[in-house]
N, C-alpha and C. Protein backbone atom coordinates (compact mmCIF):
# COMPACT_ATOMS: atom_id res chain seq x y z
N MET A 1 0.85 -1.20 0.00
CA MET A 1 0.00 0.00 0.00
C MET A 1 0.88 1.25 0.00
N SER A 2 0.48 2.26 -0.75
CA SER A 2 1.26 3.48 -0.84
C SER A 2 1.25 4.24 0.48
N TRP A 3 2.29 5.03 0.69
CA TRP A 3 2.41 5.83 1.91
C TRP A 3 1.28 6.85 2.02
N ILE A 4 0.65 7.21 0.90
CA ILE A 4 -0.35 8.29 0.94
C ILE A 4 -1.57 7.91 1.77
N ALA A 5 -1.75 6.62 2.04
CA ALA A 5 -2.88 6.18 2.87
C ALA A 5 -2.61 6.38 4.36
N GLY A 6 -1.38 6.77 4.71
CA GLY A 6 -1.03 6.98 6.10
C GLY A 6 -0.58 5.68 6.75
N PRO A 7 -0.34 5.72 8.06
CA PRO A 7 -0.57 6.85 8.97
C PRO A 7 0.52 7.91 8.87
N PHE A 8 0.24 9.05 9.50
CA PHE A 8 1.18 10.16 9.56
C PHE A 8 1.28 10.65 11.00
N VAL A 9 2.39 11.27 11.32
CA VAL A 9 2.56 11.94 12.60
C VAL A 9 2.91 13.39 12.33
N GLY A 10 1.96 14.29 12.58
CA GLY A 10 2.20 15.71 12.40
C GLY A 10 2.92 16.28 13.61
N PHE A 11 3.77 17.29 13.37
CA PHE A 11 4.58 17.86 14.45
C PHE A 11 4.76 19.35 14.22
N ASP A 12 4.58 20.12 15.30
CA ASP A 12 4.84 21.56 15.24
C ASP A 12 5.24 22.05 16.62
N THR A 13 5.98 23.15 16.64
CA THR A 13 6.39 23.78 17.89
C THR A 13 6.08 25.26 17.85
N GLU A 14 5.95 25.85 19.03
CA GLU A 14 6.00 27.29 19.19
C GLU A 14 7.15 27.56 20.15
N THR A 15 7.90 28.63 19.89
CA THR A 15 9.20 28.79 20.54
C THR A 15 9.44 30.23 20.98
N THR A 16 10.63 30.44 21.54
CA THR A 16 11.00 31.80 21.96
C THR A 16 11.61 32.61 20.84
N GLY A 17 11.91 31.99 19.70
CA GLY A 17 12.56 32.70 18.60
C GLY A 17 12.47 31.92 17.32
N VAL A 18 13.28 32.31 16.34
CA VAL A 18 13.17 31.71 15.01
C VAL A 18 14.46 31.04 14.55
N ILE A 19 15.47 30.95 15.41
CA ILE A 19 16.74 30.35 15.02
C ILE A 19 17.04 29.16 15.92
N PRO A 20 17.07 27.94 15.38
CA PRO A 20 17.45 26.79 16.21
C PRO A 20 18.83 27.01 16.82
N GLY A 21 19.00 26.61 18.05
CA GLY A 21 20.27 26.84 18.74
C GLY A 21 20.27 28.12 19.54
N ARG A 22 19.38 29.05 19.17
CA ARG A 22 19.23 30.28 19.93
C ARG A 22 17.82 30.42 20.50
N SER A 23 16.97 29.48 20.19
CA SER A 23 15.57 29.54 20.61
C SER A 23 15.27 28.34 21.50
N ARG A 24 14.23 28.48 22.30
CA ARG A 24 13.82 27.40 23.18
C ARG A 24 12.36 27.04 22.94
N LEU A 25 12.05 25.81 23.26
CA LEU A 25 10.70 25.30 23.09
C LEU A 25 9.75 25.93 24.10
N VAL A 26 8.55 26.26 23.65
CA VAL A 26 7.49 26.72 24.55
C VAL A 26 6.33 25.72 24.52
N THR A 27 5.84 25.41 23.32
CA THR A 27 4.80 24.40 23.18
C THR A 27 5.16 23.45 22.04
N ALA A 28 4.60 22.26 22.10
CA ALA A 28 4.75 21.29 21.02
C ALA A 28 3.44 20.53 20.87
N SER A 29 3.17 20.13 19.65
CA SER A 29 1.99 19.31 19.37
C SER A 29 2.37 18.18 18.43
N ILE A 30 1.92 17.00 18.74
CA ILE A 30 2.08 15.84 17.85
C ILE A 30 0.71 15.22 17.65
N ILE A 31 0.34 15.06 16.38
CA ILE A 31 -0.95 14.45 16.04
C ILE A 31 -0.70 13.20 15.22
N PHE A 32 -1.14 12.07 15.76
CA PHE A 32 -1.10 10.81 15.00
C PHE A 32 -2.39 10.73 14.20
N ARG A 33 -2.25 10.71 12.89
CA ARG A 33 -3.42 10.63 12.02
C ARG A 33 -3.44 9.26 11.34
N GLY A 34 -4.40 8.45 11.72
CA GLY A 34 -4.56 7.12 11.14
C GLY A 34 -5.98 6.90 10.67
N GLU A 35 -6.31 5.66 10.41
CA GLU A 35 -7.63 5.35 9.85
C GLU A 35 -8.75 5.62 10.85
N ASP A 36 -8.42 5.69 12.14
CA ASP A 36 -9.45 5.95 13.15
C ASP A 36 -9.53 7.43 13.55
N GLY A 37 -8.84 8.30 12.80
CA GLY A 37 -8.89 9.72 13.11
C GLY A 37 -7.61 10.22 13.73
N ASP A 38 -7.70 11.32 14.46
CA ASP A 38 -6.53 11.99 15.02
C ASP A 38 -6.40 11.70 16.52
N GLU A 39 -5.17 11.42 16.93
CA GLU A 39 -4.83 11.33 18.35
C GLU A 39 -3.86 12.46 18.64
N VAL A 40 -4.24 13.35 19.56
CA VAL A 40 -3.50 14.59 19.79
C VAL A 40 -2.75 14.54 21.11
N SER A 41 -1.49 14.95 21.08
CA SER A 41 -0.69 15.14 22.29
C SER A 41 -0.10 16.54 22.26
N ASN A 42 -0.30 17.29 23.33
CA ASN A 42 0.21 18.66 23.42
C ASN A 42 1.07 18.82 24.66
N TRP A 43 2.04 19.72 24.57
CA TRP A 43 2.93 20.01 25.68
C TRP A 43 3.10 21.52 25.84
N LEU A 44 3.16 21.97 27.07
CA LEU A 44 3.53 23.35 27.41
C LEU A 44 4.66 23.25 28.42
N THR A 45 5.74 23.97 28.18
CA THR A 45 6.89 23.92 29.07
C THR A 45 7.33 25.31 29.48
N ASP A 46 8.04 25.38 30.58
CA ASP A 46 8.70 26.61 31.00
C ASP A 46 10.09 26.59 30.40
N PRO A 47 10.38 27.47 29.42
CA PRO A 47 11.68 27.42 28.76
C PRO A 47 12.84 27.89 29.63
N GLY A 48 12.53 28.46 30.78
CA GLY A 48 13.60 28.88 31.68
C GLY A 48 14.20 30.23 31.36
N VAL A 49 13.65 30.90 30.37
CA VAL A 49 14.09 32.25 29.99
C VAL A 49 12.86 33.09 29.72
N GLU A 50 13.07 34.39 29.63
CA GLU A 50 11.98 35.27 29.24
C GLU A 50 11.55 34.97 27.81
N ILE A 51 10.26 34.92 27.59
CA ILE A 51 9.75 34.76 26.22
C ILE A 51 9.64 36.16 25.62
N PRO A 52 10.40 36.45 24.55
CA PRO A 52 10.37 37.79 23.98
C PRO A 52 8.97 38.23 23.59
N GLU A 53 8.75 39.53 23.66
CA GLU A 53 7.43 40.05 23.34
C GLU A 53 7.01 39.69 21.92
N ALA A 54 7.97 39.72 20.99
CA ALA A 54 7.65 39.38 19.60
C ALA A 54 7.12 37.96 19.50
N ALA A 55 7.72 37.04 20.25
CA ALA A 55 7.26 35.65 20.23
C ALA A 55 5.90 35.52 20.90
N GLN A 56 5.70 36.27 21.99
CA GLN A 56 4.40 36.24 22.67
C GLN A 56 3.28 36.70 21.73
N LYS A 57 3.58 37.68 20.89
CA LYS A 57 2.57 38.18 19.96
C LYS A 57 2.21 37.12 18.92
N VAL A 58 3.14 36.23 18.62
CA VAL A 58 2.88 35.18 17.64
C VAL A 58 2.01 34.08 18.23
N HIS A 59 2.43 33.54 19.37
CA HIS A 59 1.71 32.37 19.91
C HIS A 59 0.88 32.65 21.15
N GLY A 60 0.99 33.84 21.70
CA GLY A 60 0.10 34.24 22.79
C GLY A 60 0.45 33.70 24.16
N ILE A 61 1.64 33.13 24.32
CA ILE A 61 2.02 32.56 25.61
C ILE A 61 3.05 33.47 26.28
N SER A 62 2.72 33.98 27.43
CA SER A 62 3.60 34.89 28.15
C SER A 62 4.59 34.12 29.02
N THR A 63 5.64 34.82 29.43
CA THR A 63 6.61 34.22 30.34
C THR A 63 5.93 33.78 31.63
N ALA A 64 5.07 34.64 32.17
CA ALA A 64 4.39 34.32 33.43
C ALA A 64 3.51 33.08 33.29
N TYR A 65 2.80 32.97 32.17
CA TYR A 65 1.92 31.82 31.97
C TYR A 65 2.74 30.54 31.85
N ALA A 66 3.84 30.60 31.09
CA ALA A 66 4.68 29.41 30.92
C ALA A 66 5.28 28.98 32.25
N ARG A 67 5.69 29.95 33.06
CA ARG A 67 6.29 29.61 34.36
C ARG A 67 5.26 28.98 35.30
N GLU A 68 4.02 29.46 35.23
CA GLU A 68 3.00 28.96 36.14
C GLU A 68 2.45 27.61 35.70
N HIS A 69 2.26 27.45 34.40
CA HIS A 69 1.57 26.26 33.90
C HIS A 69 2.47 25.27 33.15
N GLY A 70 3.66 25.70 32.76
CA GLY A 70 4.52 24.83 31.97
C GLY A 70 5.18 23.74 32.80
N ARG A 71 5.40 22.61 32.16
CA ARG A 71 6.07 21.49 32.81
C ARG A 71 7.58 21.63 32.67
N PRO A 72 8.35 20.88 33.47
CA PRO A 72 9.81 21.01 33.43
C PRO A 72 10.37 20.79 32.03
N TYR A 73 11.30 21.64 31.65
CA TYR A 73 11.81 21.67 30.29
C TYR A 73 12.43 20.34 29.85
N PRO A 74 13.37 19.76 30.60
CA PRO A 74 13.96 18.50 30.14
C PRO A 74 12.94 17.38 30.01
N GLN A 75 11.96 17.36 30.89
CA GLN A 75 10.93 16.31 30.85
C GLN A 75 10.12 16.41 29.57
N VAL A 76 9.73 17.61 29.19
CA VAL A 76 8.95 17.79 27.97
C VAL A 76 9.78 17.43 26.74
N LEU A 77 11.03 17.90 26.70
CA LEU A 77 11.90 17.56 25.57
C LEU A 77 12.01 16.04 25.40
N GLU A 78 12.20 15.35 26.50
CA GLU A 78 12.36 13.89 26.45
C GLU A 78 11.08 13.22 25.98
N GLU A 79 9.95 13.67 26.46
CA GLU A 79 8.68 13.06 26.05
C GLU A 79 8.43 13.27 24.56
N VAL A 80 8.66 14.48 24.08
CA VAL A 80 8.47 14.76 22.65
C VAL A 80 9.42 13.91 21.83
N ALA A 81 10.68 13.85 22.26
CA ALA A 81 11.67 13.06 21.53
C ALA A 81 11.28 11.59 21.48
N GLN A 82 10.75 11.07 22.56
CA GLN A 82 10.35 9.66 22.58
C GLN A 82 9.22 9.38 21.60
N VAL A 83 8.25 10.28 21.52
CA VAL A 83 7.13 10.07 20.59
C VAL A 83 7.63 10.12 19.15
N LEU A 84 8.47 11.12 18.85
CA LEU A 84 9.01 11.23 17.49
C LEU A 84 9.87 10.01 17.14
N THR A 85 10.69 9.59 18.08
CA THR A 85 11.57 8.45 17.84
C THR A 85 10.77 7.18 17.59
N ARG A 86 9.72 6.99 18.37
CA ARG A 86 8.88 5.80 18.21
C ARG A 86 8.23 5.78 16.83
N ALA A 87 7.72 6.94 16.39
CA ALA A 87 7.07 7.00 15.08
C ALA A 87 8.07 6.73 13.97
N LEU A 88 9.18 7.45 13.98
CA LEU A 88 10.16 7.31 12.91
C LEU A 88 10.78 5.92 12.93
N GLY A 89 11.00 5.39 14.11
CA GLY A 89 11.56 4.04 14.22
C GLY A 89 10.64 2.98 13.64
N ASN A 90 9.35 3.26 13.64
CA ASN A 90 8.37 2.34 13.05
C ASN A 90 8.05 2.67 11.60
N GLY A 91 8.82 3.60 11.02
CA GLY A 91 8.62 3.93 9.62
C GLY A 91 7.45 4.84 9.34
N ILE A 92 6.89 5.46 10.38
CA ILE A 92 5.77 6.39 10.19
C ILE A 92 6.34 7.78 9.94
N PRO A 93 5.99 8.42 8.83
CA PRO A 93 6.60 9.71 8.52
C PRO A 93 6.14 10.81 9.46
N VAL A 94 7.09 11.65 9.85
CA VAL A 94 6.77 12.87 10.58
C VAL A 94 6.53 13.97 9.56
N VAL A 95 5.39 14.62 9.67
CA VAL A 95 5.00 15.69 8.74
C VAL A 95 5.11 17.01 9.48
N ALA A 96 5.96 17.89 8.98
CA ALA A 96 6.18 19.19 9.63
C ALA A 96 6.41 20.25 8.57
N PHE A 97 5.79 21.40 8.75
CA PHE A 97 5.97 22.51 7.82
C PHE A 97 7.23 23.25 8.23
N ASN A 98 8.17 23.37 7.27
CA ASN A 98 9.50 23.90 7.57
C ASN A 98 10.16 23.03 8.64
N ALA A 99 10.23 21.75 8.33
CA ALA A 99 10.69 20.74 9.29
C ALA A 99 12.09 21.01 9.80
N GLY A 100 12.92 21.64 8.98
CA GLY A 100 14.28 21.92 9.41
C GLY A 100 14.34 22.74 10.68
N PHE A 101 13.36 23.64 10.85
CA PHE A 101 13.35 24.45 12.06
C PHE A 101 12.94 23.61 13.27
N ASP A 102 11.79 22.96 13.20
CA ASP A 102 11.27 22.24 14.37
C ASP A 102 12.20 21.09 14.78
N LEU A 103 12.66 20.32 13.82
CA LEU A 103 13.54 19.21 14.15
C LEU A 103 14.93 19.71 14.53
N GLY A 104 15.37 20.80 13.89
CA GLY A 104 16.65 21.40 14.26
C GLY A 104 16.63 21.93 15.68
N LEU A 105 15.51 22.54 16.05
CA LEU A 105 15.38 23.03 17.42
C LEU A 105 15.41 21.87 18.41
N MET A 106 14.72 20.79 18.10
CA MET A 106 14.73 19.63 18.99
C MET A 106 16.15 19.08 19.14
N GLU A 107 16.88 18.98 18.06
CA GLU A 107 18.26 18.48 18.14
C GLU A 107 19.11 19.37 19.03
N ALA A 108 19.02 20.68 18.81
CA ALA A 108 19.84 21.62 19.57
C ALA A 108 19.49 21.60 21.05
N GLU A 109 18.20 21.57 21.36
CA GLU A 109 17.78 21.64 22.76
C GLU A 109 18.03 20.32 23.50
N LEU A 110 17.84 19.21 22.82
CA LEU A 110 18.18 17.93 23.45
C LEU A 110 19.67 17.89 23.79
N ALA A 111 20.50 18.33 22.86
CA ALA A 111 21.94 18.34 23.10
C ALA A 111 22.30 19.30 24.23
N ARG A 112 21.67 20.46 24.25
CA ARG A 112 21.97 21.45 25.29
C ARG A 112 21.60 20.93 26.67
N MET A 113 20.53 20.16 26.75
CA MET A 113 20.09 19.60 28.03
C MET A 113 20.76 18.25 28.32
N GLN A 114 21.73 17.88 27.49
CA GLN A 114 22.50 16.64 27.65
C GLN A 114 21.59 15.40 27.63
N LEU A 115 20.60 15.48 26.74
CA LEU A 115 19.74 14.34 26.47
C LEU A 115 20.09 13.78 25.09
N PRO A 116 19.87 12.49 24.84
CA PRO A 116 20.16 11.95 23.52
C PRO A 116 19.37 12.68 22.44
N THR A 117 20.05 13.06 21.38
CA THR A 117 19.38 13.74 20.28
C THR A 117 18.61 12.73 19.44
N LEU A 118 17.77 13.25 18.56
CA LEU A 118 17.05 12.35 17.66
C LEU A 118 18.02 11.57 16.79
N THR A 119 19.08 12.23 16.34
CA THR A 119 20.07 11.55 15.51
C THR A 119 20.76 10.44 16.28
N GLN A 120 21.07 10.69 17.54
CA GLN A 120 21.70 9.66 18.36
C GLN A 120 20.75 8.49 18.61
N ARG A 121 19.47 8.77 18.68
CA ARG A 121 18.49 7.70 18.91
C ARG A 121 18.18 6.91 17.64
N LEU A 122 18.23 7.60 16.49
CA LEU A 122 17.72 7.01 15.25
C LEU A 122 18.77 6.77 14.19
N GLY A 123 19.91 7.47 14.25
CA GLY A 123 20.75 7.61 13.08
C GLY A 123 20.23 8.81 12.31
N GLU A 124 19.96 8.66 11.03
CA GLU A 124 19.36 9.77 10.28
C GLU A 124 17.89 9.93 10.66
N ILE A 125 17.46 11.20 10.74
CA ILE A 125 16.06 11.49 11.07
C ILE A 125 15.24 11.32 9.79
N ARG A 126 14.54 10.22 9.68
CA ARG A 126 13.74 9.92 8.50
C ARG A 126 12.77 8.79 8.81
N PRO A 127 11.64 8.73 8.09
CA PRO A 127 11.19 9.58 6.98
C PRO A 127 10.46 10.83 7.48
N VAL A 128 10.74 11.94 6.81
CA VAL A 128 10.11 13.22 7.11
C VAL A 128 9.46 13.75 5.84
N ILE A 129 8.30 14.36 5.99
CA ILE A 129 7.61 15.00 4.86
C ILE A 129 7.39 16.46 5.22
N ASP A 130 7.87 17.34 4.35
CA ASP A 130 7.78 18.79 4.59
C ASP A 130 7.01 19.43 3.44
N PRO A 131 5.76 19.82 3.66
CA PRO A 131 4.97 20.43 2.58
C PRO A 131 5.61 21.68 1.99
N LEU A 132 6.38 22.43 2.78
CA LEU A 132 7.05 23.61 2.25
C LEU A 132 8.08 23.22 1.20
N VAL A 133 8.91 22.25 1.52
CA VAL A 133 9.93 21.79 0.58
C VAL A 133 9.27 21.19 -0.66
N LEU A 134 8.21 20.43 -0.47
CA LEU A 134 7.52 19.82 -1.61
C LEU A 134 6.94 20.88 -2.53
N ASP A 135 6.31 21.90 -1.96
CA ASP A 135 5.70 22.92 -2.82
C ASP A 135 6.76 23.70 -3.59
N ARG A 136 7.87 23.99 -2.96
CA ARG A 136 8.96 24.68 -3.68
C ARG A 136 9.42 23.87 -4.88
N ALA A 137 9.44 22.53 -4.72
CA ALA A 137 9.89 21.67 -5.81
C ALA A 137 8.82 21.48 -6.87
N LEU A 138 7.57 21.35 -6.44
CA LEU A 138 6.49 21.04 -7.37
C LEU A 138 5.95 22.26 -8.09
N VAL A 139 6.02 23.42 -7.43
CA VAL A 139 5.51 24.67 -8.03
C VAL A 139 6.60 25.73 -7.89
N PRO A 140 7.72 25.58 -8.60
CA PRO A 140 8.85 26.48 -8.38
C PRO A 140 8.58 27.93 -8.74
N ARG A 141 7.63 28.19 -9.60
CA ARG A 141 7.36 29.56 -10.03
C ARG A 141 6.19 30.20 -9.28
N ARG A 142 5.80 29.62 -8.18
CA ARG A 142 4.71 30.22 -7.41
C ARG A 142 5.08 31.63 -6.97
N ARG A 143 4.18 32.57 -7.16
CA ARG A 143 4.42 33.95 -6.77
C ARG A 143 4.08 34.15 -5.29
N GLY A 144 4.75 35.10 -4.68
CA GLY A 144 4.44 35.45 -3.30
C GLY A 144 5.12 34.55 -2.29
N LYS A 145 4.71 34.71 -1.06
CA LYS A 145 5.31 33.95 0.03
C LYS A 145 4.76 32.52 0.08
N ARG A 146 5.44 31.72 0.88
CA ARG A 146 5.01 30.33 1.06
C ARG A 146 4.88 30.03 2.56
N THR A 147 4.21 30.92 3.27
CA THR A 147 3.91 30.60 4.66
C THR A 147 2.87 29.49 4.70
N LEU A 148 2.66 28.94 5.88
CA LEU A 148 1.62 27.92 6.01
C LEU A 148 0.27 28.48 5.58
N ALA A 149 -0.04 29.69 6.00
CA ALA A 149 -1.32 30.30 5.63
C ALA A 149 -1.42 30.49 4.12
N ASP A 150 -0.32 30.91 3.49
CA ASP A 150 -0.33 31.13 2.04
C ASP A 150 -0.60 29.82 1.29
N LEU A 151 0.07 28.76 1.70
CA LEU A 151 -0.11 27.48 1.00
C LEU A 151 -1.46 26.86 1.31
N MET A 152 -1.97 27.08 2.50
CA MET A 152 -3.34 26.63 2.79
C MET A 152 -4.33 27.27 1.82
N GLU A 153 -4.17 28.56 1.60
CA GLU A 153 -5.06 29.26 0.66
C GLU A 153 -4.88 28.72 -0.75
N ALA A 154 -3.63 28.49 -1.15
CA ALA A 154 -3.35 28.01 -2.50
C ALA A 154 -3.96 26.64 -2.75
N TYR A 155 -4.01 25.80 -1.73
CA TYR A 155 -4.52 24.44 -1.89
C TYR A 155 -5.94 24.27 -1.36
N GLY A 156 -6.58 25.36 -0.97
CA GLY A 156 -7.97 25.29 -0.53
C GLY A 156 -8.17 24.64 0.81
N VAL A 157 -7.23 24.86 1.73
CA VAL A 157 -7.32 24.29 3.08
C VAL A 157 -7.74 25.38 4.05
N SER A 158 -8.69 25.08 4.91
CA SER A 158 -9.13 26.04 5.91
C SER A 158 -8.84 25.50 7.31
N ALA A 159 -8.75 26.42 8.27
CA ALA A 159 -8.54 26.04 9.67
C ALA A 159 -9.67 26.62 10.50
N ASP A 160 -10.14 25.85 11.47
CA ASP A 160 -11.23 26.30 12.31
C ASP A 160 -10.80 27.36 13.31
N GLU A 161 -9.49 27.40 13.60
CA GLU A 161 -8.96 28.35 14.57
C GLU A 161 -7.77 29.07 13.97
N SER A 162 -7.31 30.10 14.68
CA SER A 162 -6.18 30.90 14.20
C SER A 162 -4.90 30.07 14.23
N LEU A 163 -4.03 30.33 13.25
CA LEU A 163 -2.74 29.67 13.20
C LEU A 163 -1.83 30.21 14.29
N HIS A 164 -0.64 29.62 14.39
CA HIS A 164 0.37 29.94 15.41
C HIS A 164 -0.01 29.40 16.77
N ASP A 165 -0.86 28.41 16.78
CA ASP A 165 -1.06 27.51 17.91
C ASP A 165 -0.53 26.16 17.43
N ALA A 166 0.31 25.52 18.23
CA ALA A 166 1.00 24.33 17.74
C ALA A 166 0.03 23.25 17.26
N GLU A 167 -1.04 23.02 18.01
CA GLU A 167 -2.00 21.99 17.58
C GLU A 167 -2.72 22.39 16.31
N VAL A 168 -3.15 23.64 16.22
CA VAL A 168 -3.84 24.11 15.02
C VAL A 168 -2.93 24.00 13.81
N ASP A 169 -1.67 24.42 13.96
CA ASP A 169 -0.73 24.37 12.85
C ASP A 169 -0.42 22.93 12.44
N THR A 170 -0.33 22.05 13.42
CA THR A 170 -0.06 20.64 13.10
C THR A 170 -1.20 20.04 12.29
N ARG A 171 -2.42 20.29 12.74
CA ARG A 171 -3.58 19.76 12.02
C ARG A 171 -3.66 20.36 10.61
N ALA A 172 -3.39 21.66 10.51
CA ALA A 172 -3.43 22.33 9.21
C ALA A 172 -2.36 21.77 8.27
N THR A 173 -1.20 21.45 8.81
CA THR A 173 -0.12 20.89 7.98
C THR A 173 -0.50 19.52 7.45
N LEU A 174 -1.12 18.70 8.27
CA LEU A 174 -1.59 17.39 7.81
C LEU A 174 -2.68 17.55 6.75
N ASP A 175 -3.59 18.49 6.96
CA ASP A 175 -4.65 18.75 5.96
C ASP A 175 -4.04 19.25 4.66
N LEU A 176 -3.02 20.10 4.77
CA LEU A 176 -2.34 20.62 3.58
C LEU A 176 -1.70 19.49 2.80
N LEU A 177 -1.03 18.59 3.48
CA LEU A 177 -0.40 17.47 2.78
C LEU A 177 -1.44 16.64 2.03
N GLU A 178 -2.59 16.41 2.63
CA GLU A 178 -3.64 15.64 1.95
C GLU A 178 -4.05 16.31 0.64
N GLN A 179 -4.20 17.62 0.67
CA GLN A 179 -4.58 18.34 -0.55
C GLN A 179 -3.45 18.36 -1.57
N MET A 180 -2.22 18.43 -1.11
CA MET A 180 -1.10 18.40 -2.03
C MET A 180 -1.03 17.05 -2.74
N ILE A 181 -1.32 15.99 -2.02
CA ILE A 181 -1.32 14.66 -2.64
C ILE A 181 -2.38 14.59 -3.74
N ARG A 182 -3.55 15.17 -3.49
CA ARG A 182 -4.60 15.19 -4.51
C ARG A 182 -4.19 16.05 -5.71
N LYS A 183 -3.55 17.16 -5.43
CA LYS A 183 -3.16 18.09 -6.50
C LYS A 183 -1.99 17.55 -7.32
N HIS A 184 -1.11 16.82 -6.68
CA HIS A 184 0.11 16.31 -7.33
C HIS A 184 0.15 14.79 -7.20
N PRO A 185 -0.64 14.07 -7.98
CA PRO A 185 -0.73 12.61 -7.83
C PRO A 185 0.59 11.89 -8.04
N ARG A 186 1.56 12.54 -8.69
CA ARG A 186 2.83 11.85 -8.90
C ARG A 186 3.58 11.60 -7.59
N LEU A 187 3.18 12.29 -6.52
CA LEU A 187 3.80 12.03 -5.22
C LEU A 187 3.61 10.58 -4.80
N ALA A 188 2.50 9.99 -5.22
CA ALA A 188 2.20 8.60 -4.84
C ALA A 188 3.18 7.62 -5.47
N MET A 189 3.91 8.06 -6.49
CA MET A 189 4.86 7.17 -7.16
C MET A 189 6.10 6.93 -6.30
N TYR A 190 6.35 7.81 -5.35
CA TYR A 190 7.53 7.67 -4.51
C TYR A 190 7.27 6.70 -3.37
N SER A 191 8.30 6.03 -2.95
CA SER A 191 8.28 5.37 -1.64
C SER A 191 8.63 6.43 -0.60
N LEU A 192 8.40 6.14 0.66
CA LEU A 192 8.78 7.10 1.70
C LEU A 192 10.27 7.39 1.66
N ASP A 193 11.07 6.37 1.40
CA ASP A 193 12.51 6.56 1.35
C ASP A 193 12.91 7.45 0.18
N SER A 194 12.35 7.18 -1.00
CA SER A 194 12.71 7.99 -2.16
C SER A 194 12.13 9.40 -2.06
N LEU A 195 10.98 9.55 -1.40
CA LEU A 195 10.41 10.88 -1.19
C LEU A 195 11.31 11.69 -0.26
N HIS A 196 11.85 11.06 0.75
CA HIS A 196 12.78 11.74 1.65
C HIS A 196 14.00 12.23 0.87
N GLU A 197 14.55 11.37 0.02
CA GLU A 197 15.71 11.75 -0.78
C GLU A 197 15.36 12.87 -1.76
N TYR A 198 14.18 12.79 -2.34
CA TYR A 198 13.72 13.83 -3.26
C TYR A 198 13.69 15.18 -2.56
N GLN A 199 13.22 15.21 -1.33
CA GLN A 199 13.15 16.47 -0.60
C GLN A 199 14.54 16.99 -0.25
N LYS A 200 15.46 16.10 0.09
CA LYS A 200 16.84 16.53 0.36
C LYS A 200 17.43 17.22 -0.86
N GLN A 201 17.24 16.61 -2.01
CA GLN A 201 17.77 17.19 -3.24
C GLN A 201 17.05 18.48 -3.61
N ALA A 202 15.72 18.49 -3.42
CA ALA A 202 14.94 19.67 -3.76
C ALA A 202 15.34 20.86 -2.90
N HIS A 203 15.58 20.61 -1.62
CA HIS A 203 16.00 21.71 -0.75
C HIS A 203 17.35 22.26 -1.18
N ALA A 204 18.27 21.38 -1.53
CA ALA A 204 19.60 21.83 -1.95
C ALA A 204 19.51 22.70 -3.20
N VAL A 205 18.67 22.30 -4.15
CA VAL A 205 18.48 23.10 -5.37
C VAL A 205 17.86 24.45 -5.03
N TRP A 206 16.81 24.45 -4.21
CA TRP A 206 16.17 25.71 -3.82
C TRP A 206 17.16 26.62 -3.11
N ALA A 207 17.95 26.08 -2.18
CA ALA A 207 18.89 26.89 -1.42
C ALA A 207 19.92 27.55 -2.33
N ALA A 208 20.43 26.79 -3.30
CA ALA A 208 21.40 27.35 -4.24
C ALA A 208 20.78 28.45 -5.09
N ASP A 209 19.57 28.21 -5.58
CA ASP A 209 18.88 29.20 -6.40
C ASP A 209 18.56 30.46 -5.61
N PHE A 210 18.09 30.30 -4.38
CA PHE A 210 17.73 31.45 -3.56
C PHE A 210 18.97 32.25 -3.17
N GLU A 211 20.04 31.57 -2.88
CA GLU A 211 21.29 32.25 -2.57
C GLU A 211 21.77 33.06 -3.77
N ALA A 212 21.71 32.47 -4.97
CA ALA A 212 22.11 33.19 -6.18
C ALA A 212 21.22 34.41 -6.41
N PHE A 213 19.93 34.27 -6.15
CA PHE A 213 19.01 35.40 -6.29
C PHE A 213 19.39 36.53 -5.34
N LEU A 214 19.67 36.20 -4.10
CA LEU A 214 20.05 37.23 -3.13
C LEU A 214 21.35 37.91 -3.54
N HIS A 215 22.31 37.13 -4.03
CA HIS A 215 23.56 37.72 -4.50
C HIS A 215 23.33 38.66 -5.67
N SER A 216 22.38 38.31 -6.54
CA SER A 216 22.09 39.16 -7.70
C SER A 216 21.51 40.51 -7.27
N LYS A 217 20.95 40.54 -6.06
CA LYS A 217 20.40 41.78 -5.52
C LYS A 217 21.41 42.52 -4.64
N GLY A 218 22.65 42.03 -4.66
CA GLY A 218 23.69 42.69 -3.88
C GLY A 218 23.66 42.37 -2.40
N ARG A 219 22.98 41.28 -2.02
CA ARG A 219 22.86 40.92 -0.61
C ARG A 219 23.76 39.73 -0.29
N GLU A 220 24.43 39.80 0.84
CA GLU A 220 25.24 38.68 1.30
C GLU A 220 24.33 37.55 1.78
N ALA A 221 24.66 36.34 1.41
CA ALA A 221 23.83 35.21 1.84
C ALA A 221 24.64 33.93 1.76
N ASN A 222 24.36 33.04 2.69
CA ASN A 222 24.95 31.70 2.69
C ASN A 222 23.87 30.73 3.16
N ILE A 223 23.08 30.25 2.23
CA ILE A 223 21.94 29.41 2.55
C ILE A 223 22.39 27.96 2.68
N ASN A 224 22.10 27.36 3.82
CA ASN A 224 22.51 25.98 4.07
C ASN A 224 21.84 25.04 3.08
N ARG A 225 22.64 24.21 2.44
CA ARG A 225 22.11 23.26 1.45
C ARG A 225 21.51 22.02 2.10
N THR A 226 21.76 21.84 3.39
CA THR A 226 21.27 20.65 4.09
C THR A 226 19.85 20.88 4.57
N TRP A 227 18.97 19.97 4.24
CA TRP A 227 17.55 20.12 4.59
C TRP A 227 17.33 19.93 6.08
N LEU A 228 17.70 18.79 6.62
CA LEU A 228 17.51 18.51 8.05
C LEU A 228 18.88 18.42 8.70
N ILE A 229 19.12 19.29 9.67
CA ILE A 229 20.44 19.37 10.29
C ILE A 229 20.45 18.48 11.53
């Protein structure tokens, strides 16, 4: 049976910033989507630092709220890592929009807390499906931005609640992937392994092209060619 029938494990985080290695986890959501529907797991943690106002405006979680209601940081990291490891170890793809950020953050924070990283637990982190990377490869001439909201609109996906909540974003990402599969039936021709490789190559091509574009505009840039760090 093709991978398009599922199951899938959706994953998203909300954080203190936008750069893995400099940001900390605030919330995480993992949704197992199988033939019986969605199973949702959510986490709120105290990152141990002030949550910048800019980040609070995105996800709505204040430092005071995280300190009062959040669970211990290492405990949450370990629980999230265990769920991801179990899924990937069983060959269930993790679906994440801009997966390099969320998985990169997990790697950095697990290492910082002296916990085994996903790479140490699994070897290579795979199989992963990233709708952002896929859309860049499948529709390279798309105009405008490619935020989650933008691609949801492009593929006719709606959300019942506002984005920038980890659970809402995770569900929206899974819904987006379903519509992308319908729109691009050739995706079904790939195995999960070959789809993972396709995305690695697609990201490298996009990174080189985007870097060249920035250079043509007189801007310094060094875009990492590696999809998942």
